[in-house]
Amino acid sequence: MSGSAAQIERLLRGQDQIDLPLSLCRMERISAAAPERLLFLPGAFGNTSFWRPVAERLTHPAQRLYLGWPGFGDTAADPGVYGWLDLLELVLSQMDRPCALIAQSMGGVLAVQAAGLSSQPPPRGCARSLSQR
């Protein structure tokens, strides 16, 4: 298992806290709700395959969903998506059950906003704070 996959796996299994060097954030366990869906969010280029090498190494049983940004990467354009709030709604629409958001770059900003707005309880691990090291 790659280093990133092993760290995400430990977080999903409920380890109290881990440092994720690539995302520059500390992740802490703040809830006991197990995620039923792993929602992978790409950066601004919208590459839905970015997270697949990590996701394929995870043994966590949750459903995997790779979200893309309409009109970018391999995701077809959607005339109903005009800007940031539409992308945020796209993420929120997939959070209909306990969900772990695994994101990179611009997807990380959307993930933090969506986590704050979602009516779902937080998963076992979620971003408690974002800080530069």
Protein backbone atom coordinates (compact mmCIF):
# COMPACT_ATOMS: atom_id res chain seq x y z
CA MET A 1 0.00 0.00 0.00
CA SER A 2 1.40 3.43 -0.92
CA GLY A 3 2.17 5.93 1.82
CA SER A 4 -0.81 8.18 1.03
CA ALA A 5 -3.21 5.24 0.83
CA ALA A 6 -1.95 3.86 4.15
CA GLN A 7 -2.44 7.23 5.85
CA ILE A 8 -5.97 7.64 4.49
CA GLU A 9 -6.78 4.05 5.48
CA ARG A 10 -5.61 4.72 9.07
CA LEU A 11 -7.77 7.83 9.21
CA LEU A 12 -10.84 5.99 7.90
CA ARG A 13 -10.29 3.24 10.48
CA GLY A 14 -10.46 5.77 13.27
CA GLN A 15 -6.91 6.58 14.26
CA ASP A 16 -6.97 9.64 16.48
CA GLN A 17 -4.84 11.86 14.28
CA ILE A 18 -2.38 11.78 11.42
CA ASP A 19 -0.40 14.33 9.46
CA LEU A 20 -0.92 14.28 5.72
CA PRO A 21 2.24 15.81 4.25
CA LEU A 22 0.84 16.43 0.76
CA SER A 23 -2.21 18.34 1.92
CA LEU A 24 -0.54 20.38 4.66
CA CYS A 25 -3.23 19.64 7.20
CA ARG A 26 -3.74 17.75 10.41
CA MET A 27 -6.63 15.33 10.45
CA GLU A 28 -8.26 14.43 13.74
CA ARG A 29 -10.96 12.00 14.76
CA ILE A 30 -13.93 14.02 16.00
CA SER A 31 -16.87 11.66 15.45
CA ALA A 32 -17.70 7.97 15.56
CA ALA A 33 -19.77 7.90 12.34
CA ALA A 34 -18.18 5.55 9.79
CA PRO A 35 -18.26 6.83 6.20
CA GLU A 36 -20.50 4.93 3.80
CA ARG A 37 -19.14 6.81 0.78
CA LEU A 38 -15.65 8.00 -0.08
CA LEU A 39 -16.04 11.09 -2.24
CA PHE A 40 -12.87 11.94 -4.19
CA LEU A 41 -12.60 15.55 -5.37
CA PRO A 42 -10.00 16.66 -7.93
CA GLY A 43 -8.14 19.92 -8.29
CA ALA A 44 -9.01 22.66 -10.79
CA PHE A 45 -8.16 20.51 -13.82
CA GLY A 46 -10.99 18.16 -12.85
CA ASN A 47 -9.00 14.97 -13.45
CA THR A 48 -11.24 12.21 -12.02
CA SER A 49 -8.41 9.68 -12.30
CA PHE A 50 -6.10 11.66 -9.96
CA TRP A 51 -7.20 9.75 -6.83
CA ARG A 52 -7.69 6.31 -8.40
CA PRO A 53 -4.18 4.94 -7.59
CA VAL A 54 -4.75 5.76 -3.91
CA ALA A 55 -8.40 4.66 -3.85
CA GLU A 56 -7.59 1.29 -5.41
CA ARG A 57 -5.24 0.54 -2.53
CA LEU A 58 -7.79 1.31 0.19
CA THR A 59 -9.48 -1.65 1.83
CA HIS A 60 -12.22 0.41 3.46
CA PRO A 61 -15.61 -1.00 2.33
CA ALA A 62 -17.31 2.35 1.61
CA GLN A 63 -18.59 3.14 -1.89
CA ARG A 64 -16.10 5.17 -3.95
CA LEU A 65 -17.31 8.12 -6.00
CA TYR A 66 -14.99 10.17 -8.20
CA LEU A 67 -16.48 13.61 -8.79
CA GLY A 68 -15.34 15.69 -11.74
CA TRP A 69 -15.95 19.32 -12.63
CA PRO A 70 -18.33 19.75 -15.59
CA GLY A 71 -16.45 20.82 -18.72
CA PHE A 72 -13.03 19.88 -17.33
CA GLY A 73 -11.01 16.70 -17.66
CA ASP A 74 -13.17 13.77 -18.74
CA THR A 75 -16.42 15.22 -17.31
CA ALA A 76 -18.96 16.45 -19.85
CA ALA A 77 -20.01 20.10 -19.73
CA ASP A 78 -23.24 20.92 -17.91
CA PRO A 79 -25.04 24.11 -18.98
CA GLY A 80 -26.50 24.37 -15.45
CA VAL A 81 -23.07 24.78 -13.86
CA TYR A 82 -21.96 28.41 -14.01
CA GLY A 83 -19.59 28.86 -11.12
CA TRP A 84 -18.35 28.06 -7.64
CA LEU A 85 -21.75 27.78 -5.94
CA ASP A 86 -22.88 25.30 -8.59
CA LEU A 87 -19.78 23.17 -7.93
CA LEU A 88 -20.47 23.36 -4.20
CA GLU A 89 -24.04 22.19 -4.80
CA LEU A 90 -22.68 19.34 -6.93
CA VAL A 91 -20.53 18.16 -4.01
CA LEU A 92 -23.36 18.59 -1.47
CA SER A 93 -25.74 16.58 -3.67
CA GLN A 94 -23.47 13.55 -3.26
CA MET A 95 -23.37 13.85 0.52
CA ASP A 96 -26.67 12.08 1.18
CA ARG A 97 -25.09 9.65 3.66
CA PRO A 98 -22.06 9.68 5.98
CA CYS A 99 -19.27 10.61 3.63
CA ALA A 100 -15.50 11.07 3.78
CA LEU A 101 -14.27 13.83 1.49
CA ILE A 102 -10.83 13.14 0.05
CA ALA A 103 -9.69 16.12 -1.95
CA GLN A 104 -6.78 17.85 -3.62
CA SER A 105 -6.14 21.55 -4.23
CA MET A 106 -9.34 23.34 -5.35
CA GLY A 107 -11.32 20.23 -4.42
CA GLY A 108 -10.03 20.66 -0.87
CA VAL A 109 -11.52 24.14 -0.63
CA LEU A 110 -14.87 22.80 -1.86
CA ALA A 111 -14.60 19.88 0.59
CA VAL A 112 -14.11 22.17 3.58
CA GLN A 113 -17.06 24.35 2.55
CA ALA A 114 -19.28 21.33 1.85
CA ALA A 115 -18.40 19.71 5.18
CA GLY A 116 -19.46 22.89 6.96
CA LEU A 117 -22.79 23.05 5.12
CA SER A 118 -23.70 19.35 5.06
CA SER A 119 -26.49 18.04 7.26
CA GLN A 120 -24.70 14.69 7.50
CA PRO A 121 -22.69 13.89 10.63
CA PRO A 122 -18.94 14.10 10.11
CA PRO A 123 -17.08 10.87 9.33
CA ARG A 124 -14.47 9.40 11.66
CA GLY A 125 -11.78 11.78 10.42
CA CYS A 126 -12.26 15.27 9.16
CA ALA A 127 -10.20 18.39 8.76
CA ARG A 128 -10.18 20.09 12.12
CA SER A 129 -7.72 22.72 11.03
CA LEU A 130 -5.63 23.60 8.01
CA SER A 131 -2.20 24.99 8.65
CA GLN A 132 1.12 25.46 6.92
CA ARG A 133 4.01 23.50 8.37
